[in-house]
Protein backbone atom coordinates (compact mmCIF):
# COMPACT_ATOMS: atom_id res chain seq x y z
CA MET A 1 0.00 0.00 0.00
CA LYS A 2 1.35 3.39 -0.99
CA GLY A 3 1.71 6.04 1.72
CA LYS A 4 0.81 9.68 1.53
CA LYS A 5 3.03 12.13 -0.29
CA THR A 6 4.95 14.37 2.11
CA SER A 7 6.32 17.72 1.00
CA VAL A 8 10.01 18.50 1.27
CA GLU A 9 9.28 21.24 3.81
CA GLN A 10 7.38 18.79 6.01
CA ILE A 11 10.19 16.25 5.76
CA ILE A 12 12.79 18.80 6.83
CA ARG A 13 10.62 19.88 9.78
CA VAL A 14 10.27 16.24 10.88
CA LEU A 15 14.03 15.72 10.61
CA ARG A 16 14.65 18.79 12.77
CA GLU A 17 12.07 17.61 15.32
CA VAL A 18 13.78 14.22 15.54
CA GLU A 19 17.08 16.03 16.18
CA VAL A 20 15.44 18.05 18.98
CA LEU A 21 13.89 14.96 20.55
CA GLN A 22 17.19 13.13 20.25
CA GLY A 23 18.92 16.05 21.98
CA GLN A 24 16.45 15.66 24.84
CA GLY A 25 17.70 12.11 25.38
CA ASN A 26 15.20 10.14 23.30
CA SER A 27 16.35 7.41 20.95
CA ILE A 28 15.71 7.71 17.22
CA GLU A 29 13.15 4.92 17.44
CA THR A 30 11.22 6.71 20.20
CA ALA A 31 11.37 10.06 18.37
CA CYS A 32 10.12 8.49 15.14
CA LYS A 33 7.29 6.78 16.99
CA GLN A 34 6.25 10.09 18.60
CA LEU A 35 6.20 11.81 15.20
CA GLY A 36 4.36 8.96 13.47
CA ILE A 37 7.03 7.86 10.99
CA SER A 38 8.92 4.61 10.66
CA VAL A 39 12.62 4.35 11.40
CA PRO A 40 13.51 3.28 7.81
CA THR A 41 11.57 6.30 6.51
CA PHE A 42 13.54 8.56 8.83
CA TYR A 43 16.87 7.19 7.60
CA LYS A 44 15.77 7.45 3.96
CA TRP A 45 14.69 11.06 4.47
CA ARG A 46 17.85 11.91 6.39
CA LYS A 47 19.99 10.48 3.60
CA GLU A 48 18.15 12.47 0.95
CA PHE A 49 17.25 15.72 2.75
CA GLY A 50 19.41 15.76 5.88
CA ASN A 51 21.70 18.59 4.84
CA LEU A 52 19.07 20.86 3.26
CA SER A 53 17.66 24.00 4.81
CA LEU A 54 14.10 25.12 4.05
CA ASP A 55 15.35 27.73 1.57
CA LYS A 56 17.42 25.17 -0.29
CA ALA A 57 14.53 22.71 -0.22
CA LYS A 58 12.19 25.24 -1.83
CA LYS A 59 14.79 26.04 -4.45
CA PHE A 60 15.30 22.31 -5.03
CA LYS A 61 11.56 21.81 -5.50
CA ASP A 62 11.37 24.72 -7.96
CA LEU A 63 14.28 23.30 -9.93
CA GLU A 64 12.63 19.88 -10.08
CA GLN A 65 9.44 21.42 -11.44
CA GLU A 66 11.38 23.44 -14.03
CA ASN A 67 13.33 20.34 -15.04
CA SER A 68 10.10 18.38 -15.50
CA ARG A 69 8.63 21.17 -17.63
CA LEU A 70 11.75 21.32 -19.80
CA LYS A 71 11.80 17.54 -20.29
CA LYS A 72 8.20 17.66 -21.54
CA LEU A 73 9.12 20.50 -23.88
CA VAL A 74 12.09 18.57 -25.29
CA ALA A 75 9.93 15.48 -25.79
CA ASP A 76 7.30 17.50 -27.68
CA LEU A 77 9.92 19.19 -29.86
CA SER A 78 11.63 15.87 -30.60
CA LEU A 79 8.31 14.39 -31.69
CA ASP A 80 7.59 17.42 -33.89
CA ASN A 81 11.07 17.14 -35.39
CA ALA A 82 10.60 13.45 -36.18
CA ILE A 83 7.23 14.13 -37.82
CA LEU A 84 8.70 16.93 -39.95
CA LYS A 85 11.62 14.73 -41.05
CA GLU A 86 9.25 11.96 -42.00
CA ALA A 87 7.04 14.38 -43.95
CA ALA A 88 10.08 15.86 -45.74
CA GLU A 89 11.19 12.40 -46.87
CA GLY A 90 7.73 11.65 -48.18
CA ASN A 91 7.19 8.54 -46.04
CA PHE A 92 3.68 9.32 -44.91
């Protein structure tokens, strides 16, 4: 079963909260349980987003969206190019 999608900002907040709870003497397992995430999820998030600040995370998200938009644009242009080449050769 697929879990809910968590935003990068929410992930970073959870990582910081785990750090705070850990600083108060709680174990990672206890902190994760209090925040409602699994330990493997915490380690996966920490590996991917552990060194990001909120500003960098927002910038990262914007760049991902821009990259996705550009990939779609390239795919559309490549398809148009292939169609024009085929039409120019007369193979239609």
